[in-house]
Amino acid sequence: MPKDVILTPEGLANLKAELEHMSTVRRREVAARIKEARDFGDISENAEYDDAKNEQAMLEGRIAQLEEKLRSATVIDATELDTDIVRVGSTVHVVDGDGAKLKYTIVGSAEAKPADMRLSNESPVGKALVGRKKGDEVVFATPRGERKLKISKIEVA
């Protein structure tokens, strides 16, 4: 049973764009590589052909993944969000134990990018923050030990 995929409207648009690119442009490119490799002759000992077929299999797997994510997607409506409680789609301003100010956007796991401060609601930080209010302190485990964050502001992303 596939789990629900929670997406922001931006995340939904990105997945649709990736699926469109994969199922049109990339499929044509891979098909052209297979045709070109087939033209080299005997396919039983043709490394280019094997490589192109492997790429095709990976591409079709990714297309199937994207289609499944889109089928089970739940899109968060930003107009329904408020700034009282942290939810998927919220941007949360926090202060850590060292006094450093950080800003996280809580998103579904399909569109998480920790380097861009877009954290999954399933990550340790995301789990700790979701459902909390401004002024709350959260404590969560990290590989380096416990970490504390205090929520200073909640915005709609």
C-alpha atoms as a PDB file:
ATOM      1  CA  MET A   1       0.000   0.000   0.000  1.00  0.00           C
ATOM      2  CA  PRO A   2       1.660   3.270  -1.061  1.00  0.00           C
ATOM      3  CA  LYS A   3       1.916   5.957   1.560  1.00  0.00           C
ATOM      4  CA  ASP A   4       0.449   9.384   0.972  1.00  0.00           C
ATOM      5  CA  VAL A   5       2.866  11.900  -0.463  1.00  0.00           C
ATOM      6  CA  ILE A   6       2.410  15.388   0.937  1.00  0.00           C
ATOM      7  CA  LEU A   7       3.301  18.160  -1.505  1.00  0.00           C
ATOM      8  CA  THR A   8       3.178  21.911  -1.683  1.00  0.00           C
ATOM      9  CA  PRO A   9       1.742  23.355  -4.927  1.00  0.00           C
ATOM     10  CA  GLU A  10       5.330  24.160  -5.967  1.00  0.00           C
ATOM     11  CA  GLY A  11       6.416  20.569  -5.278  1.00  0.00           C
ATOM     12  CA  LEU A  12       3.502  19.227  -7.324  1.00  0.00           C
ATOM     13  CA  ALA A  13       4.462  21.447 -10.264  1.00  0.00           C
ATOM     14  CA  ASN A  14       8.097  20.305 -10.007  1.00  0.00           C
ATOM     15  CA  LEU A  15       7.141  16.614 -10.020  1.00  0.00           C
ATOM     16  CA  LYS A  16       4.823  17.104 -12.997  1.00  0.00           C
ATOM     17  CA  ALA A  17       7.569  18.960 -14.890  1.00  0.00           C
ATOM     18  CA  GLU A  18      10.100  16.223 -14.135  1.00  0.00           C
ATOM     19  CA  LEU A  19       7.655  13.522 -15.262  1.00  0.00           C
ATOM     20  CA  GLU A  20       6.932  15.417 -18.481  1.00  0.00           C
ATOM     21  CA  HIS A  21      10.666  15.814 -19.205  1.00  0.00           C
ATOM     22  CA  MET A  22      11.428  12.163 -18.431  1.00  0.00           C
ATOM     23  CA  SER A  23       8.554  10.735 -20.446  1.00  0.00           C
ATOM     24  CA  THR A  24       9.190  12.866 -23.529  1.00  0.00           C
ATOM     25  CA  VAL A  25      12.704  14.259 -23.922  1.00  0.00           C
ATOM     26  CA  ARG A  26      14.650  11.605 -21.972  1.00  0.00           C
ATOM     27  CA  ARG A  27      12.714   8.693 -23.506  1.00  0.00           C
ATOM     28  CA  ARG A  28      13.533   9.964 -27.003  1.00  0.00           C
ATOM     29  CA  GLU A  29      17.210  10.413 -26.089  1.00  0.00           C
ATOM     30  CA  VAL A  30      17.483   6.884 -24.695  1.00  0.00           C
ATOM     31  CA  ALA A  31      15.608   5.398 -27.649  1.00  0.00           C
ATOM     32  CA  ALA A  32      18.040   7.146 -29.988  1.00  0.00           C
ATOM     33  CA  ARG A  33      20.998   5.740 -28.002  1.00  0.00           C
ATOM     34  CA  ILE A  34      19.548   2.218 -28.247  1.00  0.00           C
ATOM     35  CA  LYS A  35      18.986   2.576 -32.003  1.00  0.00           C
ATOM     36  CA  GLU A  36      22.504   3.913 -32.504  1.00  0.00           C
ATOM     37  CA  ALA A  37      24.010   1.081 -30.424  1.00  0.00           C
ATOM     38  CA  ARG A  38      21.970  -1.494 -32.347  1.00  0.00           C
ATOM     39  CA  ASP A  39      23.462  -0.144 -35.572  1.00  0.00           C
ATOM     40  CA  PHE A  40      26.945  -1.125 -34.332  1.00  0.00           C
ATOM     41  CA  GLY A  41      26.115  -4.748 -35.075  1.00  0.00           C
ATOM     42  CA  ASP A  42      25.879  -7.849 -32.885  1.00  0.00           C
ATOM     43  CA  ILE A  43      24.010  -6.809 -29.718  1.00  0.00           C
ATOM     44  CA  SER A  44      25.133  -9.878 -27.721  1.00  0.00           C
ATOM     45  CA  GLU A  45      28.601  -8.339 -27.215  1.00  0.00           C
ATOM     46  CA  ASN A  46      27.706  -4.664 -27.496  1.00  0.00           C
ATOM     47  CA  ALA A  47      28.542  -2.684 -24.332  1.00  0.00           C
ATOM     48  CA  GLU A  48      26.887   0.496 -25.652  1.00  0.00           C
ATOM     49  CA  TYR A  49      23.644  -1.389 -26.243  1.00  0.00           C
ATOM     50  CA  ASP A  50      23.727  -2.919 -22.743  1.00  0.00           C
ATOM     51  CA  ASP A  51      24.446   0.492 -21.221  1.00  0.00           C
ATOM     52  CA  ALA A  52      21.597   2.135 -23.155  1.00  0.00           C
ATOM     53  CA  LYS A  53      19.167  -0.637 -22.141  1.00  0.00           C
ATOM     54  CA  ASN A  54      20.207  -0.236 -18.476  1.00  0.00           C
ATOM     55  CA  GLU A  55      19.626   3.520 -18.760  1.00  0.00           C
ATOM     56  CA  GLN A  56      16.208   2.824 -20.266  1.00  0.00           C
ATOM     57  CA  ALA A  57      15.310   0.520 -17.368  1.00  0.00           C
ATOM     58  CA  MET A  58      16.370   3.146 -14.806  1.00  0.00           C
ATOM     59  CA  LEU A  59      14.441   5.842 -16.681  1.00  0.00           C
ATOM     60  CA  GLU A  60      11.266   3.742 -16.789  1.00  0.00           C
ATOM     61  CA  GLY A  61      11.668   2.998 -13.063  1.00  0.00           C
ATOM     62  CA  ARG A  62      11.944   6.712 -12.273  1.00  0.00           C
ATOM     63  CA  ILE A  63       8.895   7.472 -14.451  1.00  0.00           C
ATOM     64  CA  ALA A  64       6.912   4.806 -12.574  1.00  0.00           C
ATOM     65  CA  GLN A  65       8.043   6.307  -9.228  1.00  0.00           C
ATOM     66  CA  LEU A  66       6.955   9.796 -10.272  1.00  0.00           C
ATOM     67  CA  GLU A  67       3.590   8.544 -11.528  1.00  0.00           C
ATOM     68  CA  GLU A  68       3.001   6.714  -8.217  1.00  0.00           C
ATOM     69  CA  LYS A  69       3.933   9.813  -6.186  1.00  0.00           C
ATOM     70  CA  LEU A  70       1.534  11.929  -8.228  1.00  0.00           C
ATOM     71  CA  ARG A  71      -1.260   9.348  -7.866  1.00  0.00           C
ATOM     72  CA  SER A  72      -0.942   9.308  -4.071  1.00  0.00           C
ATOM     73  CA  ALA A  73      -0.199  13.030  -3.656  1.00  0.00           C
ATOM     74  CA  THR A  74      -2.013  15.243  -1.210  1.00  0.00           C
ATOM     75  CA  VAL A  75      -1.459  18.917  -2.032  1.00  0.00           C
ATOM     76  CA  ILE A  76      -1.326  21.366   0.857  1.00  0.00           C
ATOM     77  CA  ASP A  77      -3.462  24.431   0.280  1.00  0.00           C
ATOM     78  CA  ALA A  78      -1.505  27.413   1.640  1.00  0.00           C
ATOM     79  CA  THR A  79      -4.734  29.400   2.099  1.00  0.00           C
ATOM     80  CA  GLU A  80      -5.871  26.863   4.710  1.00  0.00           C
ATOM     81  CA  LEU A  81      -2.683  27.250   6.757  1.00  0.00           C
ATOM     82  CA  ASP A  82      -2.413  29.610   9.674  1.00  0.00           C
ATOM     83  CA  THR A  83       0.559  30.857  11.630  1.00  0.00           C
ATOM     84  CA  ASP A  84      -0.509  29.411  14.983  1.00  0.00           C
ATOM     85  CA  ILE A  85       0.816  25.869  14.534  1.00  0.00           C
ATOM     86  CA  VAL A  86       3.701  24.402  12.506  1.00  0.00           C
ATOM     87  CA  ARG A  87       2.432  22.234   9.640  1.00  0.00           C
ATOM     88  CA  VAL A  88       3.639  21.030   6.272  1.00  0.00           C
ATOM     89  CA  GLY A  89       3.895  24.213   4.236  1.00  0.00           C
ATOM     90  CA  SER A  90       4.972  26.368   7.195  1.00  0.00           C
ATOM     91  CA  THR A  91       8.194  28.355   7.363  1.00  0.00           C
ATOM     92  CA  VAL A  92       9.535  28.220  10.901  1.00  0.00           C
ATOM     93  CA  HIS A  93      12.043  30.631  12.412  1.00  0.00           C
ATOM     94  CA  VAL A  94      13.974  29.043  15.283  1.00  0.00           C
ATOM     95  CA  VAL A  95      16.837  29.875  17.607  1.00  0.00           C
ATOM     96  CA  ASP A  96      19.172  27.029  18.540  1.00  0.00           C
ATOM     97  CA  GLY A  97      20.969  26.472  21.835  1.00  0.00           C
ATOM     98  CA  ASP A  98      23.942  28.566  20.663  1.00  0.00           C
ATOM     99  CA  GLY A  99      21.720  31.536  19.801  1.00  0.00           C
ATOM    100  CA  ALA A 100      21.969  30.993  16.028  1.00  0.00           C
ATOM    101  CA  LYS A 101      18.835  31.950  14.089  1.00  0.00           C
ATOM    102  CA  LEU A 102      17.639  29.471  11.477  1.00  0.00           C
ATOM    103  CA  LYS A 103      14.679  29.353   9.108  1.00  0.00           C
ATOM    104  CA  TYR A 104      13.222  26.002   7.971  1.00  0.00           C
ATOM    105  CA  THR A 105      10.413  25.298   5.551  1.00  0.00           C
ATOM    106  CA  ILE A 106       8.544  22.105   6.418  1.00  0.00           C
ATOM    107  CA  VAL A 107       7.643  20.096   3.314  1.00  0.00           C
ATOM    108  CA  GLY A 108       6.694  16.528   2.440  1.00  0.00           C
ATOM    109  CA  SER A 109       9.464  13.966   2.010  1.00  0.00           C
ATOM    110  CA  ALA A 110       9.173  14.062  -1.805  1.00  0.00           C
ATOM    111  CA  GLU A 111      10.396  17.664  -1.973  1.00  0.00           C
ATOM    112  CA  ALA A 112      12.807  17.849   0.966  1.00  0.00           C
ATOM    113  CA  LYS A 113      16.166  19.533   0.299  1.00  0.00           C
ATOM    114  CA  PRO A 114      18.067  19.986   3.574  1.00  0.00           C
ATOM    115  CA  ALA A 115      20.772  22.067   1.868  1.00  0.00           C
ATOM    116  CA  ASP A 116      18.038  24.607   0.974  1.00  0.00           C
ATOM    117  CA  MET A 117      16.570  24.411   4.516  1.00  0.00           C
ATOM    118  CA  ARG A 118      13.510  22.559   3.160  1.00  0.00           C
ATOM    119  CA  LEU A 119      13.009  19.798   5.732  1.00  0.00           C
ATOM    120  CA  SER A 120      10.752  16.777   5.510  1.00  0.00           C
ATOM    121  CA  ASN A 121       7.964  16.464   8.019  1.00  0.00           C
ATOM    122  CA  GLU A 122       9.381  12.963   8.604  1.00  0.00           C
ATOM    123  CA  SER A 123      12.919  14.162   9.486  1.00  0.00           C
ATOM    124  CA  PRO A 124      13.938  14.431  13.162  1.00  0.00           C
ATOM    125  CA  VAL A 125      13.722  18.248  13.076  1.00  0.00           C
ATOM    126  CA  GLY A 126      10.481  18.199  11.075  1.00  0.00           C
ATOM    127  CA  LYS A 127       8.850  15.699  13.441  1.00  0.00           C
ATOM    128  CA  ALA A 128       9.905  17.792  16.430  1.00  0.00           C
ATOM    129  CA  LEU A 129       8.506  21.022  14.965  1.00  0.00           C
ATOM    130  CA  VAL A 130       5.207  19.866  13.420  1.00  0.00           C
ATOM    131  CA  GLY A 131       2.255  20.602  15.691  1.00  0.00           C
ATOM    132  CA  ARG A 132       4.180  23.066  17.864  1.00  0.00           C
ATOM    133  CA  LYS A 133       3.460  26.772  18.487  1.00  0.00           C
ATOM    134  CA  LYS A 134       5.448  29.995  18.654  1.00  0.00           C
ATOM    135  CA  GLY A 135       7.510  30.075  21.859  1.00  0.00           C
ATOM    136  CA  ASP A 136       7.672  26.274  22.175  1.00  0.00           C
ATOM    137  CA  GLU A 137      11.035  24.630  22.760  1.00  0.00           C
ATOM    138  CA  VAL A 138      11.630  21.327  21.031  1.00  0.00           C
ATOM    139  CA  VAL A 139      14.270  18.740  21.845  1.00  0.00           C
ATOM    140  CA  PHE A 140      15.251  16.005  19.419  1.00  0.00           C
ATOM    141  CA  ALA A 141      18.019  13.449  19.016  1.00  0.00           C
ATOM    142  CA  THR A 142      20.844  13.864  16.498  1.00  0.00           C
ATOM    143  CA  PRO A 143      23.924  11.708  15.900  1.00  0.00           C
ATOM    144  CA  ARG A 144      25.871  14.238  18.014  1.00  0.00           C
ATOM    145  CA  GLY A 145      23.383  14.149  20.886  1.00  0.00           C
ATOM    146  CA  GLU A 146      20.264  16.086  21.814  1.00  0.00           C
ATOM    147  CA  ARG A 147      19.573  19.436  20.203  1.00  0.00           C
ATOM    148  CA  LYS A 148      17.187  22.189  21.317  1.00  0.00           C
ATOM    149  CA  LEU A 149      15.355  24.710  19.171  1.00  0.00           C
ATOM    150  CA  LYS A 150      12.991  27.468  20.239  1.00  0.00           C
ATOM    151  CA  ILE A 151      10.303  28.546  17.772  1.00  0.00           C
ATOM    152  CA  SER A 152      10.405  32.330  17.358  1.00  0.00           C
ATOM    153  CA  LYS A 153       8.063  32.803  14.376  1.00  0.00           C
ATOM    154  CA  ILE A 154       5.774  30.760  12.099  1.00  0.00           C
ATOM    155  CA  GLU A 155       4.924  31.912   8.561  1.00  0.00           C
ATOM    156  CA  VAL A 156       3.001  30.451   5.676  1.00  0.00           C
ATOM    157  CA  ALA A 157       5.567  29.384   3.060  1.00  0.00           C
END
